């Protein structure tokens, strides 16, 4: 067992995209980052910010729709998605898919597609 990445605390939710790149949410920081292992040695070589300054980013999922590939991010009161513009990790502007998800209890939301 080894450490894949340092300095990613507090990571909350992780998901792999179709290229095998690990994405993770940092809920309190309002971020989603991608951790890339270019040389395939089991350690992240680079951290790429996908989104930042978003309140309560948590659940992550990927899905293909109409020949486009999307990253879905569950937030406290809404679900957003970002269209992948270029491989490996260039994404467009977040688009709200569902708004006004009821609050209460935990503020984190998980998504599964």
PDB file of N, CA and C in Angstrom:
ATOM      1  N   UNK A   1       0.844  -1.158   0.000  1.00  0.00           N
ATOM      2  CA  UNK A   1       0.000   0.000   0.000  1.00  0.00           C
ATOM      3  C   UNK A   1       0.900   1.236   0.000  1.00  0.00           C
ATOM      4  N   UNK A   2       0.483   2.259  -0.753  1.00  0.00           N
ATOM      5  CA  UNK A   2       1.245   3.494  -0.759  1.00  0.00           C
ATOM      6  C   UNK A   2       0.291   4.689  -0.830  1.00  0.00           C
ATOM      7  N   UNK A   3       0.813   5.860  -0.571  1.00  0.00           N
ATOM      8  CA  UNK A   3       0.039   7.095  -0.651  1.00  0.00           C
ATOM      9  C   UNK A   3       0.026   7.551  -2.099  1.00  0.00           C
ATOM     10  N   UNK A   4      -1.166   7.748  -2.647  1.00  0.00           N
ATOM     11  CA  UNK A   4      -1.307   8.181  -4.037  1.00  0.00           C
ATOM     12  C   UNK A   4      -1.067   9.683  -4.173  1.00  0.00           C
ATOM     13  N   UNK A   5      -1.548  10.478  -3.207  1.00  0.00           N
ATOM     14  CA  UNK A   5      -1.393  11.933  -3.288  1.00  0.00           C
ATOM     15  C   UNK A   5      -1.348  12.537  -1.896  1.00  0.00           C
ATOM     16  N   UNK A   6      -0.514  13.519  -1.735  1.00  0.00           N
ATOM     17  CA  UNK A   6      -0.428  14.305  -0.503  1.00  0.00           C
ATOM     18  C   UNK A   6      -1.135  15.630  -0.715  1.00  0.00           C
ATOM     19  N   UNK A   7      -1.383  16.324   0.372  1.00  0.00           N
ATOM     20  CA  UNK A   7      -1.929  17.683   0.321  1.00  0.00           C
ATOM     21  C   UNK A   7      -3.261  17.777  -0.390  1.00  0.00           C
ATOM     22  N   UNK A   8      -4.120  16.797  -0.221  1.00  0.00           N
ATOM     23  CA  UNK A   8      -5.457  16.855  -0.798  1.00  0.00           C
ATOM     24  C   UNK A   8      -6.526  16.785   0.297  1.00  0.00           C
ATOM     25  N   UNK A   9      -6.123  17.040   1.505  1.00  0.00           N
ATOM     26  CA  UNK A   9      -7.054  17.017   2.636  1.00  0.00           C
ATOM     27  C   UNK A   9      -7.968  18.224   2.559  1.00  0.00           C
ATOM     28  N   UNK A  10      -9.195  18.142   2.907  1.00  0.00           N
ATOM     29  CA  UNK A  10      -9.936  16.923   3.197  1.00  0.00           C
ATOM     30  C   UNK A  10     -10.678  16.429   1.969  1.00  0.00           C
ATOM     31  N   UNK A  11     -10.255  15.344   1.437  1.00  0.00           N
ATOM     32  CA  UNK A  11     -10.923  14.716   0.294  1.00  0.00           C
ATOM     33  C   UNK A  11     -12.182  14.025   0.805  1.00  0.00           C
ATOM     34  N   UNK A  12     -13.282  14.191   0.090  1.00  0.00           N
ATOM     35  CA  UNK A  12     -14.547  13.612   0.539  1.00  0.00           C
ATOM     36  C   UNK A  12     -15.060  12.502  -0.361  1.00  0.00           C
ATOM     37  N   UNK A  13     -15.088  12.728  -1.658  1.00  0.00           N
ATOM     38  CA  UNK A  13     -15.646  11.739  -2.567  1.00  0.00           C
ATOM     39  C   UNK A  13     -14.697  11.583  -3.747  1.00  0.00           C
ATOM     40  N   UNK A  14     -14.537  10.356  -4.232  1.00  0.00           N
ATOM     41  CA  UNK A  14     -13.637  10.094  -5.351  1.00  0.00           C
ATOM     42  C   UNK A  14     -14.366   9.335  -6.446  1.00  0.00           C
ATOM     43  N   UNK A  15     -13.942   9.595  -7.687  1.00  0.00           N
ATOM     44  CA  UNK A  15     -14.488   8.857  -8.829  1.00  0.00           C
ATOM     45  C   UNK A  15     -13.464   8.888  -9.956  1.00  0.00           C
ATOM     46  N   UNK A  16     -13.380   7.787 -10.695  1.00  0.00           N
ATOM     47  CA  UNK A  16     -12.504   7.713 -11.861  1.00  0.00           C
ATOM     48  C   UNK A  16     -13.301   8.047 -13.116  1.00  0.00           C
ATOM     49  N   UNK A  17     -12.675   8.794 -14.035  1.00  0.00           N
ATOM     50  CA  UNK A  17     -13.321   9.052 -15.319  1.00  0.00           C
ATOM     51  C   UNK A  17     -13.001   7.914 -16.284  1.00  0.00           C
ATOM     52  N   UNK A  18     -13.426   8.049 -17.526  1.00  0.00           N
ATOM     53  CA  UNK A  18     -13.232   6.992 -18.518  1.00  0.00           C
ATOM     54  C   UNK A  18     -11.779   6.807 -18.934  1.00  0.00           C
ATOM     55  N   UNK A  19     -10.904   7.729 -18.547  1.00  0.00           N
ATOM     56  CA  UNK A  19      -9.482   7.627 -18.861  1.00  0.00           C
ATOM     57  C   UNK A  19      -8.678   7.065 -17.690  1.00  0.00           C
ATOM     58  N   UNK A  20      -9.357   6.785 -16.575  1.00  0.00           N
ATOM     59  CA  UNK A  20      -8.677   6.293 -15.392  1.00  0.00           C
ATOM     60  C   UNK A  20      -8.078   7.379 -14.530  1.00  0.00           C
ATOM     61  N   UNK A  21      -8.475   8.632 -14.762  1.00  0.00           N
ATOM     62  CA  UNK A  21      -7.995   9.756 -13.949  1.00  0.00           C
ATOM     63  C   UNK A  21      -8.889   9.861 -12.725  1.00  0.00           C
ATOM     64  N   UNK A  22      -8.261  10.001 -11.562  1.00  0.00           N
ATOM     65  CA  UNK A  22      -8.982  10.099 -10.303  1.00  0.00           C
ATOM     66  C   UNK A  22      -9.380  11.548 -10.039  1.00  0.00           C
ATOM     67  N   UNK A  23     -10.670  11.754  -9.829  1.00  0.00           N
ATOM     68  CA  UNK A  23     -11.203  13.058  -9.452  1.00  0.00           C
ATOM     69  C   UNK A  23     -11.642  12.980  -8.001  1.00  0.00           C
ATOM     70  N   UNK A  24     -11.497  14.071  -7.262  1.00  0.00           N
ATOM     71  CA  UNK A  24     -11.993  14.078  -5.901  1.00  0.00           C
ATOM     72  C   UNK A  24     -12.572  15.425  -5.546  1.00  0.00           C
ATOM     73  N   UNK A  25     -13.551  15.371  -4.651  1.00  0.00           N
ATOM     74  CA  UNK A  25     -14.176  16.598  -4.177  1.00  0.00           C
ATOM     75  C   UNK A  25     -13.575  16.969  -2.829  1.00  0.00           C
ATOM     76  N   UNK A  26     -13.458  18.254  -2.623  1.00  0.00           N
ATOM     77  CA  UNK A  26     -13.029  18.814  -1.354  1.00  0.00           C
ATOM     78  C   UNK A  26     -14.180  19.723  -0.908  1.00  0.00           C
ATOM     79  N   UNK A  27     -15.102  19.134  -0.152  1.00  0.00           N
ATOM     80  CA  UNK A  27     -16.380  19.751   0.160  1.00  0.00           C
ATOM     81  C   UNK A  27     -16.242  21.116   0.820  1.00  0.00           C
ATOM     82  N   UNK A  28     -15.502  21.207   1.891  1.00  0.00           N
ATOM     83  CA  UNK A  28     -15.388  22.483   2.618  1.00  0.00           C
ATOM     84  C   UNK A  28     -14.682  23.551   1.802  1.00  0.00           C
ATOM     85  N   UNK A  29     -13.772  23.159   0.936  1.00  0.00           N
ATOM     86  CA  UNK A  29     -13.058  24.110   0.089  1.00  0.00           C
ATOM     87  C   UNK A  29     -13.858  24.475  -1.161  1.00  0.00           C
ATOM     88  N   UNK A  30     -14.897  23.704  -1.465  1.00  0.00           N
ATOM     89  CA  UNK A  30     -15.711  23.964  -2.646  1.00  0.00           C
ATOM     90  C   UNK A  30     -14.976  23.688  -3.941  1.00  0.00           C
ATOM     91  N   UNK A  31     -14.168  22.619  -3.939  1.00  0.00           N
ATOM     92  CA  UNK A  31     -13.343  22.290  -5.098  1.00  0.00           C
ATOM     93  C   UNK A  31     -13.608  20.876  -5.602  1.00  0.00           C
ATOM     94  N   UNK A  32     -13.281  20.686  -6.872  1.00  0.00           N
ATOM     95  CA  UNK A  32     -13.118  19.353  -7.459  1.00  0.00           C
ATOM     96  C   UNK A  32     -11.774  19.399  -8.171  1.00  0.00           C
ATOM     97  N   UNK A  33     -10.929  18.416  -7.883  1.00  0.00           N
ATOM     98  CA  UNK A  33      -9.618  18.359  -8.522  1.00  0.00           C
ATOM     99  C   UNK A  33      -9.433  17.001  -9.197  1.00  0.00           C
ATOM    100  N   UNK A  34      -8.540  16.984 -10.173  1.00  0.00           N
ATOM    101  CA  UNK A  34      -8.149  15.746 -10.844  1.00  0.00           C
ATOM    102  C   UNK A  34      -6.713  15.440 -10.434  1.00  0.00           C
ATOM    103  N   UNK A  35      -6.443  14.181 -10.152  1.00  0.00           N
ATOM    104  CA  UNK A  35      -5.100  13.730  -9.775  1.00  0.00           C
ATOM    105  C   UNK A  35      -4.597  12.816 -10.881  1.00  0.00           C
ATOM    106  N   UNK A  36      -3.544  13.254 -11.543  1.00  0.00           N
ATOM    107  CA  UNK A  36      -3.058  12.539 -12.721  1.00  0.00           C
ATOM    108  C   UNK A  36      -1.760  11.804 -12.400  1.00  0.00           C
ATOM    109  N   UNK A  37      -1.717  10.537 -12.765  1.00  0.00           N
ATOM    110  CA  UNK A  37      -0.524   9.702 -12.612  1.00  0.00           C
ATOM    111  C   UNK A  37       0.031   9.440 -14.023  1.00  0.00           C
ATOM    112  N   UNK A  38       0.778  10.402 -14.542  1.00  0.00           N
ATOM    113  CA  UNK A  38       1.276  10.324 -15.913  1.00  0.00           C
ATOM    114  C   UNK A  38       2.150   9.102 -16.156  1.00  0.00           C
ATOM    115  N   UNK A  39       3.053   8.814 -15.215  1.00  0.00           N
ATOM    116  CA  UNK A  39       4.005   7.722 -15.428  1.00  0.00           C
ATOM    117  C   UNK A  39       3.524   6.376 -14.875  1.00  0.00           C
ATOM    118  N   UNK A  40       2.285   6.326 -14.399  1.00  0.00           N
ATOM    119  CA  UNK A  40       1.647   5.077 -13.941  1.00  0.00           C
ATOM    120  C   UNK A  40       2.447   4.345 -12.867  1.00  0.00           C
ATOM    121  N   UNK A  41       3.029   5.128 -11.933  1.00  0.00           N
ATOM    122  CA  UNK A  41       3.794   4.511 -10.848  1.00  0.00           C
ATOM    123  C   UNK A  41       3.000   4.423  -9.545  1.00  0.00           C
ATOM    124  N   UNK A  42       1.703   4.753  -9.599  1.00  0.00           N
ATOM    125  CA  UNK A  42       0.872   4.657  -8.406  1.00  0.00           C
ATOM    126  C   UNK A  42       0.903   5.885  -7.526  1.00  0.00           C
ATOM    127  N   UNK A  43       1.463   6.990  -8.017  1.00  0.00           N
ATOM    128  CA  UNK A  43       1.492   8.251  -7.278  1.00  0.00           C
ATOM    129  C   UNK A  43       1.083   9.384  -8.207  1.00  0.00           C
ATOM    130  N   UNK A  44       0.257  10.278  -7.693  1.00  0.00           N
ATOM    131  CA  UNK A  44      -0.201  11.412  -8.502  1.00  0.00           C
ATOM    132  C   UNK A  44       0.975  12.327  -8.829  1.00  0.00           C
ATOM    133  N   UNK A  45       1.117  12.669 -10.106  1.00  0.00           N
ATOM    134  CA  UNK A  45       2.183  13.555 -10.552  1.00  0.00           C
ATOM    135  C   UNK A  45       1.721  15.008 -10.614  1.00  0.00           C
ATOM    136  N   UNK A  46       0.421  15.199 -10.770  1.00  0.00           N
ATOM    137  CA  UNK A  46      -0.096  16.556 -10.917  1.00  0.00           C
ATOM    138  C   UNK A  46      -1.513  16.633 -10.371  1.00  0.00           C
ATOM    139  N   UNK A  47      -1.842  17.800  -9.788  1.00  0.00           N
ATOM    140  CA  UNK A  47      -3.201  18.104  -9.335  1.00  0.00           C
ATOM    141  C   UNK A  47      -3.732  19.207 -10.229  1.00  0.00           C
ATOM    142  N   UNK A  48      -4.896  18.982 -10.809  1.00  0.00           N
ATOM    143  CA  UNK A  48      -5.507  19.975 -11.689  1.00  0.00           C
ATOM    144  C   UNK A  48      -6.852  20.375 -11.104  1.00  0.00           C
ATOM    145  N   UNK A  49      -7.046  21.673 -10.918  1.00  0.00           N
ATOM    146  CA  UNK A  49      -8.310  22.180 -10.410  1.00  0.00           C
ATOM    147  C   UNK A  49      -9.347  22.152 -11.531  1.00  0.00           C
ATOM    148  N   UNK A  50     -10.473  21.499 -11.277  1.00  0.00           N
ATOM    149  CA  UNK A  50     -11.556  21.424 -12.250  1.00  0.00           C
ATOM    150  C   UNK A  50     -12.588  22.505 -11.947  1.00  0.00           C
ATOM    151  N   UNK A  51     -13.039  22.589 -10.701  1.00  0.00           N
ATOM    152  CA  UNK A  51     -13.883  23.700 -10.264  1.00  0.00           C
ATOM    153  C   UNK A  51     -13.429  24.143  -8.879  1.00  0.00           C
ATOM    154  N   UNK A  52     -13.700  25.399  -8.559  1.00  0.00           N
ATOM    155  CA  UNK A  52     -13.365  25.953  -7.252  1.00  0.00           C
ATOM    156  C   UNK A  52     -14.372  27.045  -6.931  1.00  0.00           C
ATOM    157  N   UNK A  53     -14.385  27.456  -5.670  1.00  0.00           N
ATOM    158  CA  UNK A  53     -15.332  28.477  -5.200  1.00  0.00           C
ATOM    159  C   UNK A  53     -16.787  28.063  -5.396  1.00  0.00           C
ATOM    160  N   UNK A  54     -17.066  26.788  -5.198  1.00  0.00           N
ATOM    161  CA  UNK A  54     -18.437  26.284  -5.236  1.00  0.00           C
ATOM    162  C   UNK A  54     -18.762  25.763  -3.848  1.00  0.00           C
ATOM    163  N   UNK A  55     -19.905  26.129  -3.324  1.00  0.00           N
ATOM    164  CA  UNK A  55     -20.289  25.704  -1.985  1.00  0.00           C
ATOM    165  C   UNK A  55     -20.636  24.219  -1.953  1.00  0.00           C
ATOM    166  N   UNK A  56     -20.030  23.498  -1.048  1.00  0.00           N
ATOM    167  CA  UNK A  56     -20.397  22.113  -0.708  1.00  0.00           C
ATOM    168  C   UNK A  56     -20.360  21.141  -1.881  1.00  0.00           C
ATOM    169  N   UNK A  57     -19.263  21.116  -2.624  1.00  0.00           N
ATOM    170  CA  UNK A  57     -19.093  20.090  -3.650  1.00  0.00           C
ATOM    171  C   UNK A  57     -18.923  18.745  -2.949  1.00  0.00           C
ATOM    172  N   UNK A  58     -19.593  17.720  -3.423  1.00  0.00           N
ATOM    173  CA  UNK A  58     -19.477  16.432  -2.740  1.00  0.00           C
ATOM    174  C   UNK A  58     -19.474  15.272  -3.718  1.00  0.00           C
ATOM    175  N   UNK A  59     -20.633  14.710  -4.020  1.00  0.00           N
ATOM    176  CA  UNK A  59     -20.705  13.515  -4.849  1.00  0.00           C
ATOM    177  C   UNK A  59     -20.269  13.775  -6.278  1.00  0.00           C
ATOM    178  N   UNK A  60     -19.562  12.812  -6.869  1.00  0.00           N
ATOM    179  CA  UNK A  60     -19.067  12.913  -8.238  1.00  0.00           C
ATOM    180  C   UNK A  60     -19.512  11.702  -9.041  1.00  0.00           C
ATOM    181  N   UNK A  61     -19.822  11.936 -10.309  1.00  0.00           N
ATOM    182  CA  UNK A  61     -20.151  10.846 -11.223  1.00  0.00           C
ATOM    183  C   UNK A  61     -19.855  11.309 -12.644  1.00  0.00           C
ATOM    184  N   UNK A  62     -19.626  10.353 -13.518  1.00  0.00           N
ATOM    185  CA  UNK A  62     -19.362  10.641 -14.930  1.00  0.00           C
ATOM    186  C   UNK A  62     -20.387   9.914 -15.775  1.00  0.00           C
ATOM    187  N   UNK A  63     -20.781  10.547 -16.879  1.00  0.00           N
ATOM    188  CA  UNK A  63     -21.727   9.903 -17.790  1.00  0.00           C
ATOM    189  C   UNK A  63     -21.571  10.488 -19.183  1.00  0.00           C
ATOM    190  N   UNK A  64     -21.844   9.648 -20.165  1.00  0.00           N
ATOM    191  CA  UNK A  64     -21.841  10.072 -21.561  1.00  0.00           C
ATOM    192  C   UNK A  64     -23.288  10.309 -21.976  1.00  0.00           C
ATOM    193  N   UNK A  65     -23.515  11.422 -22.684  1.00  0.00           N
ATOM    194  CA  UNK A  65     -24.860  11.750 -23.147  1.00  0.00           C
ATOM    195  C   UNK A  65     -24.747  12.442 -24.500  1.00  0.00           C
ATOM    196  N   UNK A  66     -25.414  11.889 -25.514  1.00  0.00           N
ATOM    197  CA  UNK A  66     -25.374  12.467 -26.870  1.00  0.00           C
ATOM    198  C   UNK A  66     -23.942  12.722 -27.355  1.00  0.00           C
ATOM    199  N   UNK A  67     -23.094  11.727 -27.225  1.00  0.00           N
ATOM    200  CA  UNK A  67     -21.696  11.789 -27.660  1.00  0.00           C
ATOM    201  C   UNK A  67     -20.849  12.807 -26.900  1.00  0.00           C
ATOM    202  N   UNK A  68     -21.350  13.311 -25.792  1.00  0.00           N
ATOM    203  CA  UNK A  68     -20.574  14.203 -24.928  1.00  0.00           C
ATOM    204  C   UNK A  68     -20.347  13.515 -23.594  1.00  0.00           C
ATOM    205  N   UNK A  69     -19.232  13.837 -22.962  1.00  0.00           N
ATOM    206  CA  UNK A  69     -18.877  13.238 -21.682  1.00  0.00           C
ATOM    207  C   UNK A  69     -18.981  14.323 -20.616  1.00  0.00           C
ATOM    208  N   UNK A  70     -19.655  14.004 -19.504  1.00  0.00           N
ATOM    209  CA  UNK A  70     -19.931  14.991 -18.467  1.00  0.00           C
ATOM    210  C   UNK A  70     -19.436  14.525 -17.100  1.00  0.00           C
ATOM    211  N   UNK A  71     -19.006  15.506 -16.312  1.00  0.00           N
ATOM    212  CA  UNK A  71     -18.735  15.327 -14.893  1.00  0.00           C
ATOM    213  C   UNK A  71     -19.933  15.910 -14.153  1.00  0.00           C
ATOM    214  N   UNK A  72     -20.576  15.099 -13.325  1.00  0.00           N
ATOM    215  CA  UNK A  72     -21.695  15.547 -12.503  1.00  0.00           C
ATOM    216  C   UNK A  72     -21.195  15.740 -11.077  1.00  0.00           C
ATOM    217  N   UNK A  73     -21.634  16.849 -10.456  1.00  0.00           N
ATOM    218  CA  UNK A  73     -21.219  17.169  -9.094  1.00  0.00           C
ATOM    219  C   UNK A  73     -22.471  17.445  -8.259  1.00  0.00           C
ATOM    220  N   UNK A  74     -22.666  16.639  -7.218  1.00  0.00           N
ATOM    221  CA  UNK A  74     -23.777  16.850  -6.293  1.00  0.00           C
ATOM    222  C   UNK A  74     -23.338  17.859  -5.241  1.00  0.00           C
ATOM    223  N   UNK A  75     -24.136  18.912  -5.104  1.00  0.00           N
ATOM    224  CA  UNK A  75     -23.884  19.948  -4.107  1.00  0.00           C
ATOM    225  C   UNK A  75     -25.026  19.934  -3.093  1.00  0.00           C
ATOM    226  N   UNK A  76     -24.955  20.779  -2.113  1.00  0.00           N
ATOM    227  CA  UNK A  76     -25.948  20.764  -1.042  1.00  0.00           C
ATOM    228  C   UNK A  76     -27.381  20.932  -1.551  1.00  0.00           C
ATOM    229  N   UNK A  77     -27.611  21.882  -2.430  1.00  0.00           N
ATOM    230  CA  UNK A  77     -28.978  22.158  -2.873  1.00  0.00           C
ATOM    231  C   UNK A  77     -29.180  22.033  -4.376  1.00  0.00           C
ATOM    232  N   UNK A  78     -28.169  21.569  -5.097  1.00  0.00           N
ATOM    233  CA  UNK A  78     -28.346  21.397  -6.538  1.00  0.00           C
ATOM    234  C   UNK A  78     -27.366  20.390  -7.108  1.00  0.00           C
ATOM    235  N   UNK A  79     -27.674  19.969  -8.335  1.00  0.00           N
ATOM    236  CA  UNK A  79     -26.812  19.071  -9.095  1.00  0.00           C
ATOM    237  C   UNK A  79     -26.330  19.841 -10.312  1.00  0.00           C
ATOM    238  N   UNK A  80     -25.010  19.869 -10.500  1.00  0.00           N
ATOM    239  CA  UNK A  80     -24.447  20.549 -11.663  1.00  0.00           C
ATOM    240  C   UNK A  80     -23.702  19.537 -12.520  1.00  0.00           C
ATOM    241  N   UNK A  81     -23.458  19.923 -13.765  1.00  0.00           N
ATOM    242  CA  UNK A  81     -22.624  19.091 -14.625  1.00  0.00           C
ATOM    243  C   UNK A  81     -21.731  20.000 -15.440  1.00  0.00           C
ATOM    244  N   UNK A  82     -20.583  19.431 -15.828  1.00  0.00           N
ATOM    245  CA  UNK A  82     -19.611  20.129 -16.651  1.00  0.00           C
ATOM    246  C   UNK A  82     -19.296  19.253 -17.850  1.00  0.00           C
ATOM    247  N   UNK A  83     -19.415  19.806 -19.025  1.00  0.00           N
ATOM    248  CA  UNK A  83     -19.124  19.074 -20.252  1.00  0.00           C
ATOM    249  C   UNK A  83     -17.612  19.053 -20.484  1.00  0.00           C
ATOM    250  N   UNK A  84     -17.101  17.860 -20.799  1.00  0.00           N
ATOM    251  CA  UNK A  84     -15.677  17.774 -21.129  1.00  0.00           C
ATOM    252  C   UNK A  84     -15.487  18.346 -22.527  1.00  0.00           C
ATOM    253  N   UNK A  85     -14.615  19.339 -22.619  1.00  0.00           N
ATOM    254  CA  UNK A  85     -14.347  20.029 -23.873  1.00  0.00           C
ATOM    255  C   UNK A  85     -13.189  19.375 -24.621  1.00  0.00           C
ATOM    256  N   UNK A  86     -12.154  19.007 -23.863  1.00  0.00           N
ATOM    257  CA  UNK A  86     -10.960  18.378 -24.436  1.00  0.00           C
ATOM    258  C   UNK A  86     -10.415  17.346 -23.469  1.00  0.00           C
ATOM    259  N   UNK A  87      -9.904  16.274 -24.018  1.00  0.00           N
ATOM    260  CA  UNK A  87      -9.210  15.248 -23.226  1.00  0.00           C
ATOM    261  C   UNK A  87      -7.821  15.790 -22.910  1.00  0.00           C
ATOM    262  N   UNK A  88      -7.301  15.624 -21.719  1.00  0.00           N
ATOM    263  CA  UNK A  88      -7.804  14.756 -20.672  1.00  0.00           C
ATOM    264  C   UNK A  88      -8.733  15.441 -19.665  1.00  0.00           C
ATOM    265  N   UNK A  89      -8.563  16.732 -19.348  1.00  0.00           N
ATOM    266  CA  UNK A  89      -9.371  17.290 -18.261  1.00  0.00           C
ATOM    267  C   UNK A  89      -9.690  18.772 -18.442  1.00  0.00           C
ATOM    268  N   UNK A  90     -10.147  19.126 -19.625  1.00  0.00           N
ATOM    269  CA  UNK A  90     -10.633  20.481 -19.849  1.00  0.00           C
ATOM    270  C   UNK A  90     -12.157  20.414 -19.878  1.00  0.00           C
ATOM    271  N   UNK A  91     -12.778  21.095 -18.923  1.00  0.00           N
ATOM    272  CA  UNK A  91     -14.229  21.075 -18.769  1.00  0.00           C
ATOM    273  C   UNK A  91     -14.804  22.468 -18.942  1.00  0.00           C
ATOM    274  N   UNK A  92     -16.045  22.521 -19.417  1.00  0.00           N
ATOM    275  CA  UNK A  92     -16.738  23.784 -19.637  1.00  0.00           C
ATOM    276  C   UNK A  92     -17.323  24.351 -18.355  1.00  0.00           C
ATOM    277  N   UNK A  93     -18.120  25.372 -18.524  1.00  0.00           N
ATOM    278  CA  UNK A  93     -18.771  26.066 -17.418  1.00  0.00           C
ATOM    279  C   UNK A  93     -19.831  25.160 -16.780  1.00  0.00           C
ATOM    280  N   UNK A  94     -19.899  25.150 -15.438  1.00  0.00           N
ATOM    281  CA  UNK A  94     -20.924  24.344 -14.771  1.00  0.00           C
ATOM    282  C   UNK A  94     -22.334  24.754 -15.186  1.00  0.00           C
ATOM    283  N   UNK A  95     -23.170  23.741 -15.396  1.00  0.00           N
ATOM    284  CA  UNK A  95     -24.562  23.929 -15.791  1.00  0.00           C
ATOM    285  C   UNK A  95     -25.431  23.269 -14.719  1.00  0.00           C
ATOM    286  N   UNK A  96     -26.414  23.996 -14.206  1.00  0.00           N
ATOM    287  CA  UNK A  96     -27.305  23.436 -13.191  1.00  0.00           C
ATOM    288  C   UNK A  96     -28.316  22.506 -13.848  1.00  0.00           C
ATOM    289  N   UNK A  97     -28.407  21.277 -13.333  1.00  0.00           N
ATOM    290  CA  UNK A  97     -29.333  20.267 -13.842  1.00  0.00           C
ATOM    291  C   UNK A  97     -30.574  20.193 -12.954  1.00  0.00           C
ATOM    292  N   UNK A  98     -30.379  20.198 -11.632  1.00  0.00           N
ATOM    293  CA  UNK A  98     -31.474  20.162 -10.663  1.00  0.00           C
ATOM    294  C   UNK A  98     -31.207  21.240  -9.619  1.00  0.00           C
ATOM    295  N   UNK A  99     -32.226  22.035  -9.324  1.00  0.00           N
ATOM    296  CA  UNK A  99     -32.119  23.065  -8.298  1.00  0.00           C
ATOM    297  C   UNK A  99     -33.030  22.735  -7.133  1.00  0.00           C
ATOM    298  N   UNK A 100     -32.819  23.441  -6.029  1.00  0.00           N
ATOM    299  CA  UNK A 100     -33.702  23.386  -4.860  1.00  0.00           C
ATOM    300  C   UNK A 100     -33.842  21.989  -4.264  1.00  0.00           C
ATOM    301  N   UNK A 101     -32.734  21.262  -4.183  1.00  0.00           N
ATOM    302  CA  UNK A 101     -32.758  19.980  -3.477  1.00  0.00           C
ATOM    303  C   UNK A 101     -32.998  20.307  -2.006  1.00  0.00           C
ATOM    304  N   UNK A 102     -33.972  19.652  -1.363  1.00  0.00           N
ATOM    305  CA  UNK A 102     -34.279  19.973   0.031  1.00  0.00           C
ATOM    306  C   UNK A 102     -33.080  19.784   0.946  1.00  0.00           C
ATOM    307  N   UNK A 103     -32.916  20.684   1.879  1.00  0.00           N
ATOM    308  CA  UNK A 103     -31.829  20.621   2.854  1.00  0.00           C
ATOM    309  C   UNK A 103     -32.264  19.887   4.105  1.00  0.00           C
ATOM    310  N   UNK A 104     -31.440  20.009   5.128  1.00  0.00           N
ATOM    311  CA  UNK A 104     -31.731  19.374   6.399  1.00  0.00           C
ATOM    312  C   UNK A 104     -30.818  18.185   6.622  1.00  0.00           C
ATOM    313  N   UNK A 105     -30.530  17.931   7.891  1.00  0.00           N
ATOM    314  CA  UNK A 105     -29.635  16.818   8.213  1.00  0.00           C
ATOM    315  C   UNK A 105     -28.227  17.113   7.718  1.00  0.00           C
ATOM    316  N   UNK A 106     -27.686  16.233   6.930  1.00  0.00           N
ATOM    317  CA  UNK A 106     -26.353  16.425   6.378  1.00  0.00           C
ATOM    318  C   UNK A 106     -26.415  17.357   5.168  1.00  0.00           C
ATOM    319  N   UNK A 107     -25.376  18.146   4.973  1.00  0.00           N
ATOM    320  CA  UNK A 107     -25.341  19.038   3.803  1.00  0.00           C
ATOM    321  C   UNK A 107     -24.642  18.394   2.612  1.00  0.00           C
ATOM    322  N   UNK A 108     -24.107  17.198   2.794  1.00  0.00           N
ATOM    323  CA  UNK A 108     -23.438  16.522   1.692  1.00  0.00           C
ATOM    324  C   UNK A 108     -24.445  15.698   0.895  1.00  0.00           C
ATOM    325  N   UNK A 109     -24.183  15.579  -0.391  1.00  0.00           N
ATOM    326  CA  UNK A 109     -25.062  14.824  -1.287  1.00  0.00           C
ATOM    327  C   UNK A 109     -24.206  13.888  -2.131  1.00  0.00           C
ATOM    328  N   UNK A 110     -24.681  12.689  -2.311  1.00  0.00           N
ATOM    329  CA  UNK A 110     -23.983  11.701  -3.117  1.00  0.00           C
ATOM    330  C   UNK A 110     -24.790  11.423  -4.379  1.00  0.00           C
ATOM    331  N   UNK A 111     -24.092  11.123  -5.462  1.00  0.00           N
ATOM    332  CA  UNK A 111     -24.762  10.850  -6.738  1.00  0.00           C
ATOM    333  C   UNK A 111     -24.234   9.540  -7.309  1.00  0.00           C
ATOM    334  N   UNK A 112     -25.122   8.824  -7.968  1.00  0.00           N
ATOM    335  CA  UNK A 112     -24.758   7.585  -8.660  1.00  0.00           C
ATOM    336  C   UNK A 112     -25.509   7.578  -9.979  1.00  0.00           C
ATOM    337  N   UNK A 113     -24.794   7.371 -11.066  1.00  0.00           N
ATOM    338  CA  UNK A 113     -25.433   7.298 -12.382  1.00  0.00           C
ATOM    339  C   UNK A 113     -25.187   5.907 -12.939  1.00  0.00           C
TER     340      UNK A 113
END
